[in-house]
Protein backbone atom coordinates (compact mmCIF):
# COMPACT_ATOMS: atom_id res chain seq x y z
CA MET A 1 72.46 130.15 120.46
CA THR A 2 71.60 126.45 120.67
CA VAL A 3 73.90 123.58 119.79
CA THR A 4 71.98 120.35 119.30
CA GLY A 5 74.89 117.93 119.02
CA PRO A 6 76.79 116.04 116.34
CA ASP A 7 75.20 115.92 112.91
CA PHE A 8 78.04 114.61 110.72
CA LEU A 9 80.96 112.21 111.25
CA ALA A 10 83.87 111.51 108.91
CA LEU A 11 87.08 109.52 109.17
CA GLN A 12 90.18 110.69 107.32
CA VAL A 13 91.64 107.66 105.53
CA ARG A 14 94.80 106.72 103.63
CA ASP A 15 93.05 105.08 100.66
CA LEU A 16 89.57 106.45 100.03
CA GLU A 17 88.30 103.63 97.81
CA LYS A 18 89.71 100.88 100.05
CA ALA A 19 88.05 102.42 103.12
CA ALA A 20 84.76 102.99 101.29
CA GLU A 21 84.74 99.42 100.01
CA PHE A 22 85.37 98.09 103.55
CA TYR A 23 82.49 100.04 105.04
CA GLU A 24 80.26 99.07 102.14
CA THR A 25 81.06 95.37 101.76
CA GLN A 26 82.22 94.34 105.23
CA ILE A 27 80.01 96.57 107.39
CA GLY A 28 77.04 96.83 105.03
CA LEU A 29 76.66 100.60 104.73
CA LYS A 30 75.06 102.00 101.57
CA ARG A 31 76.72 104.82 99.67
CA ALA A 32 74.74 108.03 99.40
CA PRO A 33 74.09 109.20 95.83
CA THR A 34 76.19 112.37 96.25
CA ALA A 35 79.18 113.33 98.35
CA PRO A 36 81.59 116.23 98.62
CA PRO A 37 84.82 116.02 96.59
CA GLY A 38 87.39 113.70 98.13
CA ALA A 39 84.84 111.84 100.23
CA VAL A 40 82.45 108.90 100.15
CA LEU A 41 79.26 109.56 102.06
CA PHE A 42 77.08 106.76 103.40
CA ALA A 43 73.31 106.89 103.83
CA THR A 44 73.42 106.41 107.60
CA SER A 45 70.89 107.72 110.03
CA PRO A 46 70.32 109.67 112.14
CA ILE A 47 73.87 110.99 111.59
CA PRO A 48 75.57 110.91 108.17
CA PHE A 49 78.94 109.10 108.12
CA ALA A 50 81.72 109.47 105.56
CA VAL A 51 85.28 108.49 104.82
CA ARG A 52 87.41 111.21 103.29
CA GLU A 53 90.86 112.04 102.07
CA PRO A 54 93.07 113.51 104.80
CA LEU A 55 93.06 117.25 105.33
CA PRO A 56 96.33 119.09 104.58
CA ASP A 57 99.07 118.38 107.12
CA VAL A 58 97.31 115.26 108.48
CA ASP A 59 99.69 112.30 108.61
CA LEU A 60 97.78 109.19 109.65
CA ASP A 61 101.05 107.25 109.84
CA SER A 62 102.43 109.54 112.56
CA VAL A 63 100.12 108.14 115.24
CA GLU A 64 99.83 104.67 116.72
CA ARG A 65 96.05 104.50 116.19
CA PRO A 66 94.08 107.22 114.41
CA GLY A 67 91.24 108.58 116.52
CA THR A 68 92.71 107.57 119.87
CA GLY A 69 90.52 109.09 122.53
CA VAL A 70 87.41 109.24 120.33
CA ALA A 71 84.62 106.69 120.70
CA LEU A 72 82.88 105.85 117.43
CA TRP A 73 79.89 103.53 117.77
CA PHE A 74 77.59 102.04 115.14
CA SER A 75 74.25 100.42 115.90
CA CYS A 76 73.43 97.11 114.25
CA ASP A 77 70.41 94.82 114.21
CA ASP A 78 72.64 91.76 114.84
CA SER A 79 76.05 92.68 116.23
CA GLN A 80 76.95 89.02 116.87
CA ALA A 81 76.44 88.17 113.18
CA LEU A 82 78.49 91.20 112.11
CA HIS A 83 81.24 90.23 114.54
CA ASP A 84 81.31 86.67 113.22
CA SER A 85 81.47 87.89 109.61
CA LEU A 86 84.29 90.34 110.32
CA ALA A 87 86.28 87.82 112.36
CA ALA A 88 85.89 85.18 109.63
CA SER A 89 87.24 87.63 107.04
CA GLY A 90 90.31 88.42 109.15
CA VAL A 91 89.32 91.82 110.52
CA GLU A 92 91.10 92.51 113.82
CA ILE A 93 88.73 92.36 116.78
CA LEU A 94 89.88 94.49 119.73
CA ARG A 95 87.08 93.49 122.10
CA ALA A 96 84.99 90.35 121.75
CA PRO A 97 81.20 90.53 121.95
CA ALA A 98 79.99 91.15 125.50
CA PRO A 99 76.76 92.32 127.10
CA SER A 100 76.55 95.98 128.05
CA PRO A 101 73.89 98.55 128.93
CA PHE A 102 73.72 99.18 125.15
CA GLY A 103 73.12 95.54 124.22
CA LEU A 104 75.78 93.21 122.90
CA THR A 105 78.90 95.19 121.92
CA PHE A 106 82.23 94.46 120.25
CA THR A 107 85.06 96.56 118.83
CA PHE A 108 86.90 96.04 115.54
CA VAL A 109 89.76 97.81 113.77
CA ASP A 110 89.06 99.27 110.32
CA PRO A 111 91.67 99.29 107.51
CA ASP A 112 93.14 102.60 108.73
CA GLY A 113 93.44 101.50 112.35
CA TYR A 114 90.37 103.24 113.76
CA ALA A 115 88.69 101.37 116.62
CA VAL A 116 84.95 101.12 115.94
CA THR A 117 82.46 99.72 118.45
CA VAL A 118 79.25 98.07 117.32
CA HIS A 119 76.23 97.57 119.56
CA ASP A 120 72.82 96.00 119.14
CA ALA A 121 70.23 98.53 118.03
CA SER A 122 67.62 99.16 120.68
C-alpha cells in the first residue's frame, strides 16, 4: 500500500454561493465545469480545491475559527498584489506580507472565518 499525499481539499461553508463568489472574484480562482452536488469545485492545480455545504452534524458557528490547527496555503504569482486587493476590499488580514522561505507570505480570513495563507509561487 502506498499513500502519495493529499489530492483534494474542500472547506465546509455556511453559504455555498457566497463562499464560491469570494474565491472566484476576490481570489481569482476559476470554477471547474462540473462538481459534486452541494459543492463548487475550482480548477486548481496540482490539487483540486472546493467549497461545500457542511456535512451532517457540522456546526461552523460552534467554533471560534473553522479549521483551527490546519494550515491551508495557496500559491500566487503576485502575493503582494493579492494582499493589496483583499485589504482594499475590506478582507481581514491576519498576518501582513512578510518574507519567508516560501517567498512573500500573508494570511487572510475568508467569509467563513478560515485562515488562508498565500505565498509567492516558486
